[in-house]
Amino acid sequence: MTPAPGTVVLVGAACSVQFSGNRELRVRVASVDGRTNYPGWIWLTGYVLGPRGQAVDKRELYVQSAGLKVLQLPEVTVAAPGRRPRVPARK
């Protein structure tokens, strides 16, 4: 699976041993590099997400694409300056 930009994925042990245990990352994909790789591996550039879904770091990762898990995060509406963002109600 090659994730599209904007997709949020879980990068864990199934992607590479360096992300095992408590080293899993939630990453919002910015781009996937088209460089020639070993079969099944991709270069992924994205933003590591903190506990509330905010970007905390930009990373370039070399991972096994089959190990990526797509995550569904709640959408956050950006409010006008001085107003709090609103999280849409669940349907």
N, C-alpha and C. Protein backbone atom coordinates (compact mmCIF):
# COMPACT_ATOMS: atom_id res chain seq x y z
N MET A 1 0.83 -1.17 0.00
CA MET A 1 0.00 0.00 0.00
C MET A 1 0.88 1.25 0.00
N THR A 2 0.63 2.15 -0.91
CA THR A 2 1.32 3.43 -0.92
C THR A 2 0.32 4.49 -0.48
N PRO A 3 0.54 5.10 0.69
CA PRO A 3 -0.43 6.07 1.20
C PRO A 3 -0.41 7.38 0.42
N ALA A 4 -1.55 7.99 0.30
CA ALA A 4 -1.67 9.29 -0.37
C ALA A 4 -1.33 10.40 0.62
N PRO A 5 -0.85 11.55 0.12
CA PRO A 5 -0.62 12.68 1.02
C PRO A 5 -1.89 13.03 1.78
N GLY A 6 -1.72 13.33 3.07
CA GLY A 6 -2.84 13.65 3.94
C GLY A 6 -3.35 12.46 4.74
N THR A 7 -2.99 11.25 4.33
CA THR A 7 -3.39 10.04 5.05
C THR A 7 -2.62 9.96 6.37
N VAL A 8 -3.29 9.54 7.42
CA VAL A 8 -2.63 9.33 8.72
C VAL A 8 -2.40 7.82 8.86
N VAL A 9 -1.15 7.46 9.12
CA VAL A 9 -0.79 6.05 9.24
C VAL A 9 -0.09 5.78 10.56
N LEU A 10 -0.18 4.53 11.00
CA LEU A 10 0.56 4.08 12.17
C LEU A 10 1.80 3.37 11.66
N VAL A 11 2.95 3.84 12.08
CA VAL A 11 4.23 3.23 11.71
C VAL A 11 4.70 2.46 12.94
N GLY A 12 4.66 1.13 12.85
CA GLY A 12 5.02 0.29 13.98
C GLY A 12 5.99 -0.80 13.59
N ALA A 13 6.06 -1.84 14.39
CA ALA A 13 7.02 -2.93 14.20
C ALA A 13 6.83 -3.64 12.86
N ALA A 14 5.61 -3.66 12.32
CA ALA A 14 5.37 -4.32 11.03
C ALA A 14 6.03 -3.56 9.88
N CYS A 15 6.38 -2.30 10.12
CA CYS A 15 7.04 -1.47 9.09
C CYS A 15 8.55 -1.60 9.14
N SER A 16 9.09 -1.73 10.35
CA SER A 16 10.53 -1.85 10.57
C SER A 16 10.77 -2.10 12.05
N VAL A 17 11.79 -2.88 12.38
CA VAL A 17 12.06 -3.20 13.78
C VAL A 17 12.39 -1.95 14.60
N GLN A 18 12.84 -0.89 13.95
CA GLN A 18 13.17 0.32 14.71
C GLN A 18 11.94 1.01 15.31
N PHE A 19 10.73 0.61 14.88
CA PHE A 19 9.51 1.20 15.40
C PHE A 19 8.74 0.23 16.30
N SER A 20 9.42 -0.76 16.87
CA SER A 20 8.76 -1.74 17.73
C SER A 20 8.58 -1.19 19.14
N GLY A 21 7.75 -1.87 19.91
CA GLY A 21 7.52 -1.48 21.30
C GLY A 21 6.86 -0.12 21.41
N ASN A 22 7.41 0.73 22.27
CA ASN A 22 6.82 2.05 22.47
C ASN A 22 7.35 3.08 21.48
N ARG A 23 7.92 2.64 20.38
CA ARG A 23 8.48 3.55 19.37
C ARG A 23 7.55 3.75 18.18
N GLU A 24 6.29 3.29 18.29
CA GLU A 24 5.34 3.51 17.20
C GLU A 24 5.11 5.00 17.00
N LEU A 25 4.82 5.37 15.75
CA LEU A 25 4.55 6.76 15.41
C LEU A 25 3.24 6.87 14.66
N ARG A 26 2.47 7.92 14.96
CA ARG A 26 1.34 8.29 14.11
C ARG A 26 1.86 9.38 13.20
N VAL A 27 1.72 9.18 11.90
CA VAL A 27 2.32 10.09 10.92
C VAL A 27 1.27 10.52 9.89
N ARG A 28 1.19 11.85 9.66
CA ARG A 28 0.37 12.37 8.56
C ARG A 28 1.29 12.47 7.36
N VAL A 29 1.00 11.73 6.30
CA VAL A 29 1.85 11.63 5.13
C VAL A 29 1.87 12.97 4.38
N ALA A 30 3.07 13.45 4.09
CA ALA A 30 3.24 14.65 3.27
C ALA A 30 3.55 14.25 1.83
N SER A 31 4.42 13.23 1.66
CA SER A 31 4.76 12.76 0.32
C SER A 31 5.39 11.38 0.41
N VAL A 32 5.35 10.68 -0.72
CA VAL A 32 6.01 9.39 -0.85
C VAL A 32 6.98 9.53 -2.00
N ASP A 33 8.25 9.27 -1.74
CA ASP A 33 9.30 9.43 -2.75
C ASP A 33 9.23 8.32 -3.78
N GLY A 34 9.49 8.65 -5.01
CA GLY A 34 9.44 7.68 -6.09
C GLY A 34 10.75 6.98 -6.37
N ARG A 35 11.77 7.17 -5.50
CA ARG A 35 13.06 6.52 -5.70
C ARG A 35 12.92 5.01 -5.76
N THR A 36 13.81 4.37 -6.50
CA THR A 36 13.85 2.91 -6.56
C THR A 36 14.29 2.38 -5.20
N ASN A 37 13.53 1.43 -4.70
CA ASN A 37 13.79 0.85 -3.37
C ASN A 37 13.86 -0.66 -3.47
N TYR A 38 14.13 -1.27 -2.35
CA TYR A 38 13.97 -2.71 -2.27
C TYR A 38 12.47 -2.99 -2.41
N PRO A 39 12.08 -4.11 -2.99
CA PRO A 39 10.66 -4.41 -3.16
C PRO A 39 9.91 -4.34 -1.83
N GLY A 40 8.80 -3.60 -1.83
CA GLY A 40 7.97 -3.48 -0.64
C GLY A 40 8.34 -2.37 0.31
N TRP A 41 9.44 -1.66 0.06
CA TRP A 41 9.90 -0.58 0.93
C TRP A 41 9.68 0.76 0.24
N ILE A 42 9.33 1.79 1.03
CA ILE A 42 9.12 3.14 0.48
C ILE A 42 9.78 4.19 1.37
N TRP A 43 10.13 5.32 0.77
CA TRP A 43 10.57 6.50 1.51
C TRP A 43 9.33 7.36 1.71
N LEU A 44 9.04 7.66 2.95
CA LEU A 44 7.85 8.38 3.33
C LEU A 44 8.25 9.64 4.09
N THR A 45 7.75 10.79 3.67
CA THR A 45 7.97 12.03 4.40
C THR A 45 6.64 12.42 5.02
N GLY A 46 6.68 12.76 6.32
CA GLY A 46 5.43 13.12 6.98
C GLY A 46 5.67 13.80 8.31
N TYR A 47 4.57 14.14 8.94
CA TYR A 47 4.60 14.83 10.22
C TYR A 47 4.16 13.89 11.32
N VAL A 48 5.00 13.71 12.33
CA VAL A 48 4.66 12.90 13.50
C VAL A 48 3.60 13.68 14.28
N LEU A 49 2.53 12.99 14.67
CA LEU A 49 1.42 13.63 15.38
C LEU A 49 1.50 13.37 16.87
N GLY A 50 1.23 14.41 17.63
CA GLY A 50 1.20 14.31 19.09
C GLY A 50 -0.12 13.73 19.56
N PRO A 51 -0.33 13.66 20.87
CA PRO A 51 -1.53 13.05 21.43
C PRO A 51 -2.84 13.69 20.99
N ARG A 52 -2.83 14.99 20.69
CA ARG A 52 -4.06 15.67 20.27
C ARG A 52 -4.13 15.86 18.75
N GLY A 53 -3.26 15.17 18.02
CA GLY A 53 -3.31 15.24 16.56
C GLY A 53 -2.52 16.37 15.95
N GLN A 54 -1.78 17.13 16.75
CA GLN A 54 -0.98 18.23 16.24
C GLN A 54 0.37 17.73 15.75
N ALA A 55 0.90 18.35 14.70
CA ALA A 55 2.21 17.96 14.17
C ALA A 55 3.29 18.41 15.16
N VAL A 56 4.17 17.49 15.53
CA VAL A 56 5.23 17.82 16.49
C VAL A 56 6.63 17.68 15.88
N ASP A 57 6.74 16.98 14.74
CA ASP A 57 8.05 16.78 14.13
C ASP A 57 7.87 16.34 12.69
N LYS A 58 8.78 16.76 11.82
CA LYS A 58 8.76 16.29 10.43
C LYS A 58 9.83 15.23 10.30
N ARG A 59 9.48 14.09 9.67
CA ARG A 59 10.41 12.97 9.56
C ARG A 59 10.40 12.40 8.15
N GLU A 60 11.53 11.85 7.75
CA GLU A 60 11.62 11.06 6.53
C GLU A 60 11.91 9.64 6.98
N LEU A 61 11.03 8.70 6.58
CA LEU A 61 11.10 7.33 7.07
C LEU A 61 11.23 6.35 5.92
N TYR A 62 11.99 5.29 6.13
CA TYR A 62 12.13 4.20 5.17
C TYR A 62 11.44 3.00 5.78
N VAL A 63 10.28 2.62 5.24
CA VAL A 63 9.44 1.60 5.87
C VAL A 63 8.91 0.58 4.86
N GLN A 64 8.47 -0.56 5.38
CA GLN A 64 7.78 -1.55 4.55
C GLN A 64 6.33 -1.09 4.41
N SER A 65 5.92 -0.85 3.19
CA SER A 65 4.59 -0.30 2.97
C SER A 65 3.47 -1.24 3.44
N ALA A 66 3.68 -2.54 3.36
CA ALA A 66 2.65 -3.50 3.78
C ALA A 66 2.36 -3.41 5.27
N GLY A 67 3.30 -2.90 6.07
CA GLY A 67 3.11 -2.80 7.51
C GLY A 67 2.37 -1.55 7.96
N LEU A 68 2.13 -0.60 7.07
CA LEU A 68 1.44 0.63 7.44
C LEU A 68 -0.03 0.35 7.71
N LYS A 69 -0.55 0.98 8.76
CA LYS A 69 -1.96 0.86 9.10
C LYS A 69 -2.58 2.25 8.99
N VAL A 70 -3.62 2.38 8.18
CA VAL A 70 -4.30 3.66 8.02
C VAL A 70 -5.17 3.91 9.25
N LEU A 71 -5.07 5.12 9.81
CA LEU A 71 -5.85 5.50 10.99
C LEU A 71 -6.91 6.52 10.59
N GLN A 72 -8.04 6.47 11.25
CA GLN A 72 -9.11 7.44 11.05
C GLN A 72 -9.12 8.36 12.26
N LEU A 73 -8.74 9.63 12.06
CA LEU A 73 -8.76 10.60 13.14
C LEU A 73 -9.97 11.51 12.98
N PRO A 74 -10.52 12.02 14.09
CA PRO A 74 -11.65 12.94 13.96
C PRO A 74 -11.21 14.21 13.25
N GLU A 75 -12.10 14.74 12.41
CA GLU A 75 -11.79 15.97 11.70
C GLU A 75 -11.91 17.13 12.67
N VAL A 76 -11.02 18.10 12.50
CA VAL A 76 -11.05 19.31 13.32
C VAL A 76 -11.26 20.48 12.39
N THR A 77 -12.27 21.30 12.68
CA THR A 77 -12.54 22.49 11.88
C THR A 77 -11.72 23.63 12.45
N VAL A 78 -11.02 24.34 11.58
CA VAL A 78 -10.21 25.48 12.02
C VAL A 78 -11.11 26.67 12.19
N ALA A 79 -11.04 27.30 13.35
CA ALA A 79 -11.90 28.44 13.66
C ALA A 79 -11.21 29.75 13.29
N ALA A 80 -11.97 30.80 13.25
CA ALA A 80 -11.43 32.13 13.00
C ALA A 80 -10.51 32.51 14.16
N PRO A 81 -9.55 33.42 13.93
CA PRO A 81 -8.64 33.82 15.01
C PRO A 81 -9.41 34.26 16.25
N GLY A 82 -8.96 33.79 17.40
CA GLY A 82 -9.59 34.13 18.67
C GLY A 82 -10.74 33.21 19.06
N ARG A 83 -11.07 32.25 18.19
CA ARG A 83 -12.16 31.32 18.49
C ARG A 83 -11.59 29.91 18.59
N ARG A 84 -12.24 29.07 19.36
CA ARG A 84 -11.77 27.69 19.53
C ARG A 84 -12.23 26.83 18.36
N PRO A 85 -11.37 25.88 17.90
CA PRO A 85 -11.80 24.96 16.84
C PRO A 85 -12.93 24.07 17.33
N ARG A 86 -13.77 23.64 16.40
CA ARG A 86 -14.91 22.81 16.72
C ARG A 86 -14.70 21.42 16.14
N VAL A 87 -14.95 20.38 16.94
CA VAL A 87 -14.87 19.01 16.48
C VAL A 87 -16.27 18.59 16.07
N PRO A 88 -16.48 18.14 14.81
CA PRO A 88 -17.81 17.76 14.38
C PRO A 88 -18.39 16.62 15.22
N ALA A 89 -19.71 16.63 15.42
CA ALA A 89 -20.38 15.59 16.19
C ALA A 89 -20.35 14.28 15.41
N ARG A 90 -20.28 13.17 16.13
CA ARG A 90 -20.31 11.85 15.48
C ARG A 90 -21.72 11.61 14.94
N LYS A 91 -21.77 10.88 13.84
CA LYS A 91 -23.06 10.57 13.21
C LYS A 91 -23.53 9.20 13.64
